[in-house]
C-alpha atoms as a PDB file:
ATOM      1  CA  MET A   1       0.000   0.000   0.000  1.00  0.00           C
ATOM      2  CA  THR A   2       1.334   3.441  -0.918  1.00  0.00           C
ATOM      3  CA  LEU A   3       1.735   6.475   1.311  1.00  0.00           C
ATOM      4  CA  SER A   4      -1.136   8.214  -0.470  1.00  0.00           C
ATOM      5  CA  GLU A   5      -3.419   5.230  -0.042  1.00  0.00           C
ATOM      6  CA  ILE A   6      -2.612   4.990   3.668  1.00  0.00           C
ATOM      7  CA  ALA A   7      -3.111   8.713   4.190  1.00  0.00           C
ATOM      8  CA  ASN A   8      -6.534   8.699   2.583  1.00  0.00           C
ATOM      9  CA  GLY A   9      -7.793   5.168   3.034  1.00  0.00           C
ATOM     10  CA  LYS A  10      -7.836   5.218  -0.781  1.00  0.00           C
ATOM     11  CA  LEU A  11      -6.154   7.347  -3.413  1.00  0.00           C
ATOM     12  CA  ALA A  12      -7.391  10.930  -3.139  1.00  0.00           C
ATOM     13  CA  PRO A  13      -8.650  12.699  -6.258  1.00  0.00           C
ATOM     14  CA  ARG A  14      -5.735  14.446  -7.884  1.00  0.00           C
ATOM     15  CA  THR A  15      -5.929  18.203  -7.526  1.00  0.00           C
ATOM     16  CA  GLY A  16      -4.057  20.968  -9.301  1.00  0.00           C
ATOM     17  CA  ILE A  17      -3.275  24.575  -8.422  1.00  0.00           C
ATOM     18  CA  ARG A  18      -3.605  27.729 -10.487  1.00  0.00           C
ATOM     19  CA  LEU A  19      -2.130  31.026  -9.332  1.00  0.00           C
ATOM     20  CA  ASP A  20      -2.687  34.165 -11.400  1.00  0.00           C
ATOM     21  CA  ASN A  21      -0.821  37.460 -10.950  1.00  0.00           C
ATOM     22  CA  ILE A  22       0.060  36.957  -7.276  1.00  0.00           C
ATOM     23  CA  SER A  23       1.767  39.895  -5.551  1.00  0.00           C
ATOM     24  CA  LYS A  24       2.723  40.387  -1.917  1.00  0.00           C
ATOM     25  CA  ARG A  25       4.248  43.310  -0.010  1.00  0.00           C
ATOM     26  CA  TYR A  26       5.357  43.840   3.549  1.00  0.00           C
ATOM     27  CA  GLY A  27       4.975  47.597   3.871  1.00  0.00           C
ATOM     28  CA  ASP A  28       7.101  49.108   1.106  1.00  0.00           C
ATOM     29  CA  HIS A  29       9.026  45.858   0.560  1.00  0.00           C
ATOM     30  CA  LEU A  30       7.877  43.887  -2.491  1.00  0.00           C
ATOM     31  CA  VAL A  31       8.249  40.139  -1.909  1.00  0.00           C
ATOM     32  CA  ILE A  32       6.288  38.621  -4.807  1.00  0.00           C
ATOM     33  CA  ASP A  33       5.788  40.557  -8.026  1.00  0.00           C
ATOM     34  CA  ASP A  34       2.918  39.480 -10.317  1.00  0.00           C
ATOM     35  CA  VAL A  35       3.702  35.749 -10.308  1.00  0.00           C
ATOM     36  CA  SER A  36       1.547  33.198 -12.130  1.00  0.00           C
ATOM     37  CA  LEU A  37       1.899  29.416 -12.026  1.00  0.00           C
ATOM     38  CA  ASN A  38      -0.205  26.459 -13.115  1.00  0.00           C
ATOM     39  CA  VAL A  39       0.466  23.105 -11.431  1.00  0.00           C
ATOM     40  CA  GLU A  40      -1.214  20.145 -13.101  1.00  0.00           C
ATOM     41  CA  PRO A  41      -2.785  17.454 -10.912  1.00  0.00           C
ATOM     42  CA  GLY A  42      -0.440  14.626  -9.995  1.00  0.00           C
ATOM     43  CA  THR A  43       2.739  16.507 -10.902  1.00  0.00           C
ATOM     44  CA  VAL A  44       5.773  17.684  -8.937  1.00  0.00           C
ATOM     45  CA  THR A  45       6.958  21.282  -9.277  1.00  0.00           C
ATOM     46  CA  ALA A  46      10.371  22.191  -7.878  1.00  0.00           C
ATOM     47  CA  LEU A  47      10.868  25.847  -6.981  1.00  0.00           C
ATOM     48  CA  ILE A  48      14.483  27.012  -6.839  1.00  0.00           C
ATOM     49  CA  GLY A  49      16.334  30.300  -6.730  1.00  0.00           C
ATOM     50  CA  PRO A  50      18.521  32.521  -4.564  1.00  0.00           C
ATOM     51  CA  SER A  51      17.647  33.484  -0.992  1.00  0.00           C
ATOM     52  CA  GLY A  52      15.212  36.367  -0.829  1.00  0.00           C
ATOM     53  CA  ALA A  53      13.595  35.510  -4.168  1.00  0.00           C
ATOM     54  CA  GLY A  54      10.145  35.116  -2.569  1.00  0.00           C
ATOM     55  CA  LYS A  55       9.904  31.326  -2.839  1.00  0.00           C
ATOM     56  CA  SER A  56       8.773  30.564   0.716  1.00  0.00           C
ATOM     57  CA  THR A  57       6.317  33.462   0.808  1.00  0.00           C
ATOM     58  CA  PHE A  58       4.846  32.314  -2.499  1.00  0.00           C
ATOM     59  CA  LEU A  59       4.372  28.829  -1.061  1.00  0.00           C
ATOM     60  CA  ARG A  60       2.742  30.208   2.092  1.00  0.00           C
ATOM     61  CA  CYS A  61       0.282  32.202  -0.005  1.00  0.00           C
ATOM     62  CA  ILE A  62      -1.160  29.007  -1.463  1.00  0.00           C
ATOM     63  CA  ASN A  63      -2.729  27.874   1.817  1.00  0.00           C
ATOM     64  CA  LEU A  64      -3.137  31.435   3.111  1.00  0.00           C
ATOM     65  CA  LEU A  65      -0.523  31.398   5.820  1.00  0.00           C
ATOM     66  CA  GLU A  66       0.178  34.666   4.018  1.00  0.00           C
ATOM     67  CA  ARG A  67      -2.622  36.536   2.279  1.00  0.00           C
ATOM     68  CA  PRO A  68      -1.661  37.860  -1.185  1.00  0.00           C
ATOM     69  CA  ASP A  69      -2.260  41.554  -1.845  1.00  0.00           C
ATOM     70  CA  SER A  70      -3.436  40.853  -5.378  1.00  0.00           C
ATOM     71  CA  GLY A  71      -4.071  37.950  -7.702  1.00  0.00           C
ATOM     72  CA  THR A  72      -6.230  34.840  -7.694  1.00  0.00           C
ATOM     73  CA  ILE A  73      -5.568  31.366  -6.293  1.00  0.00           C
ATOM     74  CA  GLN A  74      -7.581  28.330  -7.366  1.00  0.00           C
ATOM     75  CA  VAL A  75      -7.162  25.074  -5.460  1.00  0.00           C
ATOM     76  CA  ASP A  76      -9.715  22.350  -6.122  1.00  0.00           C
ATOM     77  CA  HIS A  77     -13.072  24.172  -5.738  1.00  0.00           C
ATOM     78  CA  HIS A  78     -11.577  26.937  -3.589  1.00  0.00           C
ATOM     79  CA  THR A  79     -11.029  30.355  -5.192  1.00  0.00           C
ATOM     80  CA  ILE A  80      -9.198  33.053  -3.236  1.00  0.00           C
ATOM     81  CA  GLU A  81      -9.346  36.642  -4.429  1.00  0.00           C
ATOM     82  CA  PRO A  82      -8.242  39.950  -2.869  1.00  0.00           C
ATOM     83  CA  GLY A  83     -10.862  41.345  -0.542  1.00  0.00           C
ATOM     84  CA  LYS A  84     -12.863  38.120  -0.517  1.00  0.00           C
ATOM     85  CA  VAL A  85     -13.774  37.130   3.020  1.00  0.00           C
ATOM     86  CA  ILE A  86     -12.985  33.512   3.829  1.00  0.00           C
ATOM     87  CA  ASN A  87     -14.815  32.027   6.769  1.00  0.00           C
ATOM     88  CA  ALA A  88     -13.132  29.704   9.213  1.00  0.00           C
ATOM     89  CA  LYS A  89     -14.817  26.598   7.800  1.00  0.00           C
ATOM     90  CA  ASP A  90     -13.625  27.280   4.236  1.00  0.00           C
ATOM     91  CA  LEU A  91     -10.133  28.144   5.441  1.00  0.00           C
ATOM     92  CA  ALA A  92      -9.922  24.875   7.377  1.00  0.00           C
ATOM     93  CA  ALA A  93     -11.126  22.972   4.296  1.00  0.00           C
ATOM     94  CA  LEU A  94      -8.472  24.644   2.146  1.00  0.00           C
ATOM     95  CA  ARG A  95      -5.722  23.732   4.599  1.00  0.00           C
ATOM     96  CA  ARG A  96      -6.942  20.142   4.722  1.00  0.00           C
ATOM     97  CA  THR A  97      -6.651  20.005   0.941  1.00  0.00           C
ATOM     98  CA  VAL A  98      -3.169  21.542   1.002  1.00  0.00           C
ATOM     99  CA  GLY A  99      -0.744  19.926   3.444  1.00  0.00           C
ATOM    100  CA  MET A 100       2.486  21.727   4.290  1.00  0.00           C
ATOM    101  CA  VAL A 101       5.855  20.619   5.633  1.00  0.00           C
ATOM    102  CA  PHE A 102       8.236  23.294   6.881  1.00  0.00           C
ATOM    103  CA  GLN A 103      11.991  23.629   7.225  1.00  0.00           C
ATOM    104  CA  SER A 104      11.509  23.563  11.003  1.00  0.00           C
ATOM    105  CA  PHE A 105       9.581  20.485  12.035  1.00  0.00           C
ATOM    106  CA  ASN A 106       6.979  22.276  14.207  1.00  0.00           C
ATOM    107  CA  LEU A 107       6.218  19.137  16.217  1.00  0.00           C
ATOM    108  CA  PHE A 108       4.686  19.321  19.685  1.00  0.00           C
ATOM    109  CA  PRO A 109       7.678  18.564  21.958  1.00  0.00           C
ATOM    110  CA  HIS A 110       5.529  17.297  24.830  1.00  0.00           C
ATOM    111  CA  MET A 111       3.709  14.719  22.668  1.00  0.00           C
ATOM    112  CA  SER A 112       4.928  11.379  21.368  1.00  0.00           C
ATOM    113  CA  ALA A 113       5.379  10.861  17.631  1.00  0.00           C
ATOM    114  CA  LEU A 114       2.111   8.911  17.607  1.00  0.00           C
ATOM    115  CA  LYS A 115       0.175  11.665  19.353  1.00  0.00           C
ATOM    116  CA  ASN A 116       1.708  14.355  17.128  1.00  0.00           C
ATOM    117  CA  ILE A 117       0.072  12.581  14.189  1.00  0.00           C
ATOM    118  CA  SER A 118      -3.089  11.394  15.934  1.00  0.00           C
ATOM    119  CA  PHE A 119      -4.097  14.561  17.806  1.00  0.00           C
ATOM    120  CA  PRO A 120      -4.594  16.813  14.717  1.00  0.00           C
ATOM    121  CA  GLN A 121      -6.780  14.152  13.108  1.00  0.00           C
ATOM    122  CA  GLN A 122      -9.077  14.155  16.116  1.00  0.00           C
ATOM    123  CA  LYS A 123      -9.287  17.953  16.241  1.00  0.00           C
ATOM    124  CA  VAL A 124      -9.480  18.715  12.521  1.00  0.00           C
ATOM    125  CA  LEU A 125     -11.200  15.663  11.048  1.00  0.00           C
ATOM    126  CA  GLY A 126     -13.204  14.527  14.059  1.00  0.00           C
ATOM    127  CA  ARG A 127     -11.763  11.032  14.040  1.00  0.00           C
ATOM    128  CA  SER A 128     -11.963   8.892  17.136  1.00  0.00           C
ATOM    129  CA  LYS A 129      -8.749   8.333  19.065  1.00  0.00           C
ATOM    130  CA  GLU A 130      -8.703   4.707  17.961  1.00  0.00           C
ATOM    131  CA  GLU A 131      -9.107   5.523  14.278  1.00  0.00           C
ATOM    132  CA  ALA A 132      -6.580   8.358  14.453  1.00  0.00           C
ATOM    133  CA  ASP A 133      -4.020   6.181  16.263  1.00  0.00           C
ATOM    134  CA  GLU A 134      -4.459   3.411  13.695  1.00  0.00           C
ATOM    135  CA  ARG A 135      -3.894   5.829  10.809  1.00  0.00           C
ATOM    136  CA  ALA A 136      -0.903   7.342  12.600  1.00  0.00           C
ATOM    137  CA  LEU A 137       0.710   3.925  13.120  1.00  0.00           C
ATOM    138  CA  GLN A 138       0.171   3.048   9.451  1.00  0.00           C
ATOM    139  CA  LEU A 139       1.895   6.232   8.364  1.00  0.00           C
ATOM    140  CA  LEU A 140       4.736   5.855  10.851  1.00  0.00           C
ATOM    141  CA  GLU A 141       5.355   2.360   9.545  1.00  0.00           C
ATOM    142  CA  ARG A 142       5.341   3.605   5.969  1.00  0.00           C
ATOM    143  CA  VAL A 143       7.951   6.297   6.702  1.00  0.00           C
ATOM    144  CA  GLY A 144      10.034   3.728   8.574  1.00  0.00           C
ATOM    145  CA  LEU A 145       9.391   4.983  12.100  1.00  0.00           C
ATOM    146  CA  LYS A 146       6.843   2.674  13.696  1.00  0.00           C
ATOM    147  CA  ASP A 147       9.400   1.848  16.390  1.00  0.00           C
ATOM    148  CA  LYS A 148       9.494   5.567  17.322  1.00  0.00           C
ATOM    149  CA  ALA A 149       5.726   5.825  17.905  1.00  0.00           C
ATOM    150  CA  HIS A 150       6.006   6.404  21.656  1.00  0.00           C
ATOM    151  CA  GLN A 151       9.130   8.546  21.649  1.00  0.00           C
ATOM    152  CA  HIS A 152       9.030  12.325  21.967  1.00  0.00           C
ATOM    153  CA  PRO A 153      10.531  14.422  19.145  1.00  0.00           C
ATOM    154  CA  GLY A 154      13.517  15.411  21.251  1.00  0.00           C
ATOM    155  CA  ARG A 155      14.585  11.745  21.322  1.00  0.00           C
ATOM    156  CA  CYS A 156      14.503  11.540  17.501  1.00  0.00           C
ATOM    157  CA  SER A 157      17.038  12.695  14.934  1.00  0.00           C
ATOM    158  CA  GLY A 158      16.322  15.634  12.640  1.00  0.00           C
ATOM    159  CA  GLY A 159      15.553  13.331   9.723  1.00  0.00           C
ATOM    160  CA  GLN A 160      13.204  11.284  11.868  1.00  0.00           C
ATOM    161  CA  GLN A 161      11.421  14.418  13.093  1.00  0.00           C
ATOM    162  CA  GLN A 162      10.920  15.614   9.524  1.00  0.00           C
ATOM    163  CA  ARG A 163       9.490  12.239   8.507  1.00  0.00           C
ATOM    164  CA  ILE A 164       7.102  12.451  11.467  1.00  0.00           C
ATOM    165  CA  ALA A 165       6.088  15.917  10.237  1.00  0.00           C
ATOM    166  CA  ILE A 166       5.402  14.515   6.768  1.00  0.00           C
ATOM    167  CA  ALA A 167       3.304  11.721   8.274  1.00  0.00           C
ATOM    168  CA  ARG A 168       1.364  14.293  10.304  1.00  0.00           C
ATOM    169  CA  ALA A 169       0.584  16.327   7.189  1.00  0.00           C
ATOM    170  CA  LEU A 170      -0.487  13.218   5.265  1.00  0.00           C
ATOM    171  CA  ALA A 171      -2.778  12.120   8.098  1.00  0.00           C
ATOM    172  CA  LEU A 172      -5.090  15.068   7.351  1.00  0.00           C
ATOM    173  CA  ASP A 173      -5.861  13.623   3.898  1.00  0.00           C
ATOM    174  CA  PRO A 174      -4.379  16.313   1.650  1.00  0.00           C
ATOM    175  CA  SER A 175      -4.516  16.034  -2.119  1.00  0.00           C
ATOM    176  CA  ILE A 176      -1.656  18.549  -2.457  1.00  0.00           C
ATOM    177  CA  MET A 177       1.590  18.759  -0.496  1.00  0.00           C
ATOM    178  CA  LEU A 178       3.789  21.835  -0.129  1.00  0.00           C
ATOM    179  CA  PHE A 179       7.371  21.413   1.075  1.00  0.00           C
ATOM    180  CA  ASP A 180       9.357  24.463   2.172  1.00  0.00           C
ATOM    181  CA  GLU A 181      13.073  23.556   2.200  1.00  0.00           C
ATOM    182  CA  PRO A 182      12.358  20.299   4.059  1.00  0.00           C
ATOM    183  CA  THR A 183      15.997  19.163   4.158  1.00  0.00           C
ATOM    184  CA  SER A 184      17.848  22.460   4.574  1.00  0.00           C
ATOM    185  CA  ALA A 185      18.164  22.079   8.363  1.00  0.00           C
ATOM    186  CA  LEU A 186      19.462  18.512   8.049  1.00  0.00           C
ATOM    187  CA  ASP A 187      22.854  16.981   7.416  1.00  0.00           C
ATOM    188  CA  PRO A 188      23.069  15.724   3.801  1.00  0.00           C
ATOM    189  CA  GLU A 189      23.070  12.053   4.805  1.00  0.00           C
ATOM    190  CA  VAL A 190      20.050  12.521   7.076  1.00  0.00           C
ATOM    191  CA  GLY A 191      18.266  14.541   4.398  1.00  0.00           C
ATOM    192  CA  LEU A 192      18.342  11.525   2.111  1.00  0.00           C
ATOM    193  CA  GLU A 193      15.838   9.803   4.433  1.00  0.00           C
ATOM    194  CA  VAL A 194      13.370  12.645   3.902  1.00  0.00           C
ATOM    195  CA  LEU A 195      13.969  12.821   0.151  1.00  0.00           C
ATOM    196  CA  ALA A 196      13.235   9.094  -0.117  1.00  0.00           C
ATOM    197  CA  VAL A 197       9.790   9.633   1.407  1.00  0.00           C
ATOM    198  CA  MET A 198       9.162  12.568  -0.938  1.00  0.00           C
ATOM    199  CA  ARG A 199      10.186  10.479  -3.933  1.00  0.00           C
ATOM    200  CA  GLU A 200       7.659   7.850  -2.918  1.00  0.00           C
ATOM    201  CA  LEU A 201       4.930  10.472  -2.670  1.00  0.00           C
ATOM    202  CA  ALA A 202       5.850  11.690  -6.143  1.00  0.00           C
ATOM    203  CA  ASP A 203       5.695   8.117  -7.454  1.00  0.00           C
ATOM    204  CA  ASP A 204       2.239   7.793  -5.876  1.00  0.00           C
ATOM    205  CA  GLY A 205       1.014  10.763  -7.942  1.00  0.00           C
ATOM    206  CA  MET A 206       0.678  13.315  -5.145  1.00  0.00           C
ATOM    207  CA  THR A 207       0.526  16.899  -6.452  1.00  0.00           C
ATOM    208  CA  MET A 208       3.547  18.613  -4.900  1.00  0.00           C
ATOM    209  CA  ILE A 209       5.313  21.962  -4.900  1.00  0.00           C
ATOM    210  CA  VAL A 210       8.774  21.760  -3.366  1.00  0.00           C
ATOM    211  CA  VAL A 211      10.955  24.733  -2.491  1.00  0.00           C
ATOM    212  CA  THR A 212      14.359  23.091  -2.424  1.00  0.00           C
ATOM    213  CA  HIS A 213      18.089  23.481  -2.724  1.00  0.00           C
ATOM    214  CA  GLU A 214      18.444  19.781  -3.585  1.00  0.00           C
ATOM    215  CA  MET A 215      19.328  20.061  -7.268  1.00  0.00           C
ATOM    216  CA  GLN A 216      19.394  16.318  -7.910  1.00  0.00           C
ATOM    217  CA  PHE A 217      15.869  15.969  -6.536  1.00  0.00           C
ATOM    218  CA  ALA A 218      14.713  18.952  -8.611  1.00  0.00           C
ATOM    219  CA  ARG A 219      16.236  17.456 -11.769  1.00  0.00           C
ATOM    220  CA  ASP A 220      15.277  13.806 -11.316  1.00  0.00           C
ATOM    221  CA  VAL A 221      11.918  13.903  -9.508  1.00  0.00           C
ATOM    222  CA  SER A 222      10.129  17.083 -10.543  1.00  0.00           C
ATOM    223  CA  ASP A 223       8.044  17.383 -13.700  1.00  0.00           C
ATOM    224  CA  THR A 224       8.488  21.151 -13.842  1.00  0.00           C
ATOM    225  CA  LEU A 225      11.341  23.320 -12.627  1.00  0.00           C
ATOM    226  CA  VAL A 226      10.531  26.915 -11.686  1.00  0.00           C
ATOM    227  CA  VAL A 227      13.306  29.433 -11.091  1.00  0.00           C
ATOM    228  CA  MET A 228      12.543  32.519  -9.004  1.00  0.00           C
ATOM    229  CA  ALA A 229      14.753  35.582  -8.593  1.00  0.00           C
ATOM    230  CA  ASP A 230      14.035  39.161  -7.591  1.00  0.00           C
ATOM    231  CA  CYS A 231      10.445  38.307  -6.585  1.00  0.00           C
ATOM    232  CA  LYS A 232       9.541  36.920 -10.044  1.00  0.00           C
ATOM    233  CA  ILE A 233       9.536  33.665 -11.964  1.00  0.00           C
ATOM    234  CA  ILE A 234      12.335  34.110 -14.469  1.00  0.00           C
ATOM    235  CA  GLU A 235      12.318  30.667 -16.073  1.00  0.00           C
ATOM    236  CA  GLN A 236      10.272  27.474 -15.972  1.00  0.00           C
ATOM    237  CA  GLY A 237      10.034  24.244 -17.890  1.00  0.00           C
ATOM    238  CA  ASP A 238      11.635  20.824 -18.170  1.00  0.00           C
ATOM    239  CA  PRO A 239      14.105  20.377 -15.283  1.00  0.00           C
ATOM    240  CA  ARG A 240      16.846  18.691 -17.284  1.00  0.00           C
ATOM    241  CA  ALA A 241      16.591  21.196 -20.123  1.00  0.00           C
ATOM    242  CA  ILE A 242      16.865  24.174 -17.771  1.00  0.00           C
ATOM    243  CA  MET A 243      19.748  22.701 -15.820  1.00  0.00           C
ATOM    244  CA  SER A 244      21.708  21.749 -18.921  1.00  0.00           C
ATOM    245  CA  ASP A 245      20.894  24.849 -20.981  1.00  0.00           C
ATOM    246  CA  PRO A 246      19.297  27.691 -18.986  1.00  0.00           C
ATOM    247  CA  GLN A 247      17.998  30.523 -21.119  1.00  0.00           C
ATOM    248  CA  GLU A 248      18.344  33.314 -18.565  1.00  0.00           C
ATOM    249  CA  ASP A 249      21.677  34.675 -17.386  1.00  0.00           C
ATOM    250  CA  ARG A 250      20.332  34.934 -13.823  1.00  0.00           C
ATOM    251  CA  THR A 251      19.487  31.220 -13.907  1.00  0.00           C
ATOM    252  CA  ARG A 252      22.964  30.360 -15.222  1.00  0.00           C
ATOM    253  CA  ARG A 253      24.623  32.315 -12.443  1.00  0.00           C
ATOM    254  CA  PHE A 254      22.462  30.722  -9.751  1.00  0.00           C
ATOM    255  CA  LEU A 255      22.971  27.163 -11.018  1.00  0.00           C
ATOM    256  CA  ARG A 256      26.716  27.731 -11.377  1.00  0.00           C
ATOM    257  CA  ALA A 257      26.907  28.947  -7.781  1.00  0.00           C
ATOM    258  CA  VAL A 258      24.890  26.000  -6.447  1.00  0.00           C
ATOM    259  CA  LEU A 259      26.377  23.198  -8.520  1.00  0.00           C
ATOM    260  CA  GLU A 260      30.000  24.255  -8.239  1.00  0.00           C
ATOM    261  CA  ARG A 261      30.155  24.903  -4.497  1.00  0.00           C
END
């Protein structure tokens, strides 16, 4: 059984994302400048670029952790527009559709791995403790951590904590997963554990947007590579084509800096 099947009891309907003319400012500081992106259902989009390009903010706009100042976001049957009031029920539904895994693991330190995954299911989805625990154990087994079910996060390695965080996000039955630099806080060897889980999700057909500095993952796993710089998308397309023959000078300079370090 695949990770997606375990997370949903069955394979969830594949869902895409469409973002049109998204802009975001913090005061006078422009962070995202008129960015549009279409992510087809069941595909993996890797988002790369220099620090400060707006990648993480763009990702956070998708599930409204940040509210865009302008532009339209369409996720499944949810449409978000500037000035449109979103009630708490619709916001919760959107965030169930769009799971997110952060650079920092954001686990509850006083809860076991099992409870970190089980508790949100009970609160958000209304599952019984028994059902939530069963789903949590299935996911922990699938990410290779069933033996850590009763340990607290502080007793787990960084890679293990990130895999627990992925299991927690999957337990809420998302049809889309957002990853914001999920391995950047990890040693390279430990990060491979997390990338293996992400590769399996991609193989399962989960729609994913991944902000990453892992160039091999971006090249080999993603269907579309998107390069951001100076708050804009400057290039997008086939990952191997862009990495072997980038069309923009800014892309060439970024890839040279990353690949030659």
